[in-house]
Every structure is written in structure tokens, then in C-alpha cells.
Amino acid sequence: MSKGNSGNSGSKCGTPMTSQAASRIQSATAKSNGGQVPSGSFASRAQSSVAKSSGQSGNGGK
């Protein structure tokens, strides 16, 4: 039995990502990277996930 993979990597079960959680993640990432959130980072993927699930176009509502 392997302990390396819990079996839920990339799955849709579990706690859904909220916009507040994505915001906290993005803020912490930006603080630790000189104000930048690298593309492909967990923070950017979290924000993208929230935008897709809520139907936002990603342009900040403008």
C-alpha cells in the first residue's frame, strides 16, 4: 500500500474553493513573491477555479 498519494489529487470531492479562500491564497503568494503571483502557481489556479465555477469572465467585472 502506497502512502505517497492519498488518491484525491485533482479530484472534485472535498471542500470547494471559495472566492475568499482564493483571495487569501493569492494575497499570501503575492506577499512572498514581491507583489507578483506567478502564472501556473497554486494561487493562480485557485483563482481560475473560482472564476470558472462562478461563471466570471476573469476581467474583474469591468
N, C-alpha and C. Protein backbone atom coordinates (compact mmCIF):
# COMPACT_ATOMS: atom_id res chain seq x y z
N MET A 1 0.84 -1.18 0.00
CA MET A 1 0.00 0.00 0.00
C MET A 1 0.88 1.25 0.00
N SER A 2 0.65 2.14 -0.94
CA SER A 2 1.47 3.34 -1.07
C SER A 2 0.89 4.48 -0.26
N LYS A 3 1.75 5.17 0.49
CA LYS A 3 1.31 6.33 1.26
C LYS A 3 1.55 7.63 0.50
N GLY A 4 2.25 7.59 -0.61
CA GLY A 4 2.63 8.79 -1.33
C GLY A 4 1.47 9.56 -1.94
N ASN A 5 0.42 8.87 -2.35
CA ASN A 5 -0.71 9.53 -3.00
C ASN A 5 -1.98 9.20 -2.23
N SER A 6 -2.66 10.21 -1.76
CA SER A 6 -3.87 9.99 -0.96
C SER A 6 -5.06 9.59 -1.81
N GLY A 7 -4.93 9.68 -3.12
CA GLY A 7 -6.00 9.26 -4.00
C GLY A 7 -6.97 10.36 -4.38
N ASN A 8 -6.84 11.56 -3.81
CA ASN A 8 -7.78 12.61 -4.16
C ASN A 8 -7.12 13.76 -4.90
N SER A 9 -5.95 13.53 -5.41
CA SER A 9 -5.25 14.57 -6.16
C SER A 9 -6.00 14.87 -7.45
N GLY A 10 -6.44 16.12 -7.60
CA GLY A 10 -7.14 16.52 -8.80
C GLY A 10 -8.59 16.10 -8.85
N SER A 11 -9.10 15.53 -7.77
CA SER A 11 -10.49 15.09 -7.78
C SER A 11 -11.42 16.23 -7.44
N LYS A 12 -12.69 16.04 -7.71
CA LYS A 12 -13.70 17.08 -7.47
C LYS A 12 -14.35 16.95 -6.10
N CYS A 13 -13.96 15.95 -5.30
CA CYS A 13 -14.58 15.80 -3.99
C CYS A 13 -13.80 16.60 -2.95
N GLY A 14 -14.46 16.91 -1.87
CA GLY A 14 -13.81 17.69 -0.82
C GLY A 14 -14.43 19.07 -0.71
N THR A 15 -13.75 19.95 -0.02
CA THR A 15 -14.25 21.30 0.18
C THR A 15 -14.05 22.15 -1.07
N PRO A 16 -15.10 22.79 -1.57
CA PRO A 16 -14.95 23.62 -2.77
C PRO A 16 -14.15 24.89 -2.46
N MET A 17 -13.48 25.40 -3.47
CA MET A 17 -12.71 26.64 -3.34
C MET A 17 -13.68 27.82 -3.34
N THR A 18 -13.55 28.70 -2.36
CA THR A 18 -14.38 29.89 -2.31
C THR A 18 -13.56 31.09 -2.78
N SER A 19 -14.24 32.16 -3.14
CA SER A 19 -13.52 33.36 -3.58
C SER A 19 -12.70 33.95 -2.43
N GLN A 20 -13.20 33.82 -1.20
CA GLN A 20 -12.45 34.33 -0.05
C GLN A 20 -11.17 33.53 0.17
N ALA A 21 -11.27 32.22 0.02
CA ALA A 21 -10.09 31.37 0.19
C ALA A 21 -9.06 31.65 -0.91
N ALA A 22 -9.54 31.77 -2.15
CA ALA A 22 -8.64 32.07 -3.27
C ALA A 22 -7.96 33.41 -3.07
N SER A 23 -8.70 34.37 -2.53
CA SER A 23 -8.14 35.70 -2.27
C SER A 23 -7.03 35.64 -1.23
N ARG A 24 -7.26 34.87 -0.17
CA ARG A 24 -6.23 34.72 0.87
C ARG A 24 -4.98 34.05 0.31
N ILE A 25 -5.17 33.03 -0.50
CA ILE A 25 -4.04 32.31 -1.10
C ILE A 25 -3.27 33.24 -2.03
N GLN A 26 -4.00 34.00 -2.84
CA GLN A 26 -3.36 34.92 -3.78
C GLN A 26 -2.60 36.00 -3.04
N SER A 27 -3.17 36.52 -1.97
CA SER A 27 -2.52 37.56 -1.18
C SER A 27 -1.22 37.05 -0.56
N ALA A 28 -1.27 35.87 0.03
CA ALA A 28 -0.07 35.30 0.66
C ALA A 28 1.01 35.03 -0.38
N THR A 29 0.61 34.55 -1.55
CA THR A 29 1.57 34.27 -2.62
C THR A 29 2.22 35.56 -3.10
N ALA A 30 1.40 36.60 -3.29
CA ALA A 30 1.94 37.88 -3.76
C ALA A 30 2.90 38.48 -2.73
N LYS A 31 2.57 38.38 -1.45
CA LYS A 31 3.45 38.92 -0.40
C LYS A 31 4.80 38.22 -0.39
N SER A 32 4.80 36.93 -0.68
CA SER A 32 6.06 36.19 -0.64
C SER A 32 6.82 36.25 -1.96
N ASN A 33 6.22 36.87 -2.99
CA ASN A 33 6.87 36.96 -4.30
C ASN A 33 7.00 38.40 -4.79
N GLY A 34 7.15 39.33 -3.88
CA GLY A 34 7.36 40.72 -4.27
C GLY A 34 6.18 41.34 -5.00
N GLY A 35 4.97 40.93 -4.67
CA GLY A 35 3.79 41.51 -5.27
C GLY A 35 3.30 40.79 -6.51
N GLN A 36 4.01 39.77 -6.94
CA GLN A 36 3.65 39.04 -8.15
C GLN A 36 3.06 37.68 -7.80
N VAL A 37 2.09 37.24 -8.59
CA VAL A 37 1.55 35.89 -8.48
C VAL A 37 1.95 35.17 -9.76
N PRO A 38 2.89 34.24 -9.67
CA PRO A 38 3.36 33.55 -10.87
C PRO A 38 2.26 32.78 -11.57
N SER A 39 2.26 32.82 -12.90
CA SER A 39 1.28 32.04 -13.65
C SER A 39 1.58 30.56 -13.42
N GLY A 40 0.55 29.78 -13.31
CA GLY A 40 0.72 28.35 -13.06
C GLY A 40 0.87 28.00 -11.60
N SER A 41 0.94 29.02 -10.73
CA SER A 41 1.07 28.76 -9.29
C SER A 41 -0.27 28.28 -8.74
N PHE A 42 -0.23 27.72 -7.54
CA PHE A 42 -1.46 27.26 -6.91
C PHE A 42 -2.45 28.42 -6.76
N ALA A 43 -1.93 29.60 -6.41
CA ALA A 43 -2.80 30.77 -6.23
C ALA A 43 -3.52 31.13 -7.53
N SER A 44 -2.82 31.10 -8.65
CA SER A 44 -3.47 31.44 -9.92
C SER A 44 -4.46 30.36 -10.33
N ARG A 45 -4.15 29.09 -10.05
CA ARG A 45 -5.09 28.02 -10.37
C ARG A 45 -6.33 28.08 -9.48
N ALA A 46 -6.14 28.46 -8.21
CA ALA A 46 -7.28 28.59 -7.30
C ALA A 46 -8.20 29.69 -7.77
N GLN A 47 -7.63 30.83 -8.15
CA GLN A 47 -8.44 31.96 -8.64
C GLN A 47 -9.18 31.58 -9.91
N SER A 48 -8.51 30.87 -10.78
CA SER A 48 -9.12 30.42 -12.03
C SER A 48 -10.28 29.46 -11.76
N SER A 49 -10.08 28.58 -10.80
CA SER A 49 -11.13 27.63 -10.44
C SER A 49 -12.38 28.33 -9.93
N VAL A 50 -12.19 29.34 -9.10
CA VAL A 50 -13.32 30.10 -8.57
C VAL A 50 -14.03 30.84 -9.70
N ALA A 51 -13.26 31.44 -10.59
CA ALA A 51 -13.85 32.19 -11.71
C ALA A 51 -14.67 31.27 -12.61
N LYS A 52 -14.15 30.08 -12.88
CA LYS A 52 -14.87 29.14 -13.74
C LYS A 52 -16.14 28.64 -13.06
N SER A 53 -16.06 28.36 -11.76
CA SER A 53 -17.22 27.81 -11.07
C SER A 53 -18.32 28.83 -10.85
N SER A 54 -17.94 30.12 -10.80
CA SER A 54 -18.96 31.14 -10.58
C SER A 54 -19.39 31.81 -11.88
N GLY A 55 -18.79 31.44 -12.99
CA GLY A 55 -19.19 31.98 -14.28
C GLY A 55 -18.60 33.35 -14.58
N GLN A 56 -17.58 33.77 -13.84
CA GLN A 56 -16.95 35.06 -14.10
C GLN A 56 -16.06 34.94 -15.33
N SER A 57 -15.90 36.06 -16.03
CA SER A 57 -15.06 36.04 -17.22
C SER A 57 -13.60 36.30 -16.91
N GLY A 58 -13.28 36.67 -15.67
CA GLY A 58 -11.89 36.90 -15.29
C GLY A 58 -11.40 38.29 -15.55
N ASN A 59 -12.28 39.23 -15.92
CA ASN A 59 -11.83 40.59 -16.19
C ASN A 59 -12.17 41.54 -15.06
N GLY A 60 -12.42 41.00 -13.87
CA GLY A 60 -12.65 41.85 -12.73
C GLY A 60 -14.02 42.50 -12.69
N GLY A 61 -14.94 42.02 -13.49
CA GLY A 61 -16.29 42.54 -13.50
C GLY A 61 -16.42 43.87 -14.22
N LYS A 62 -15.42 44.24 -15.01
CA LYS A 62 -15.45 45.51 -15.73
C LYS A 62 -16.16 45.38 -17.05
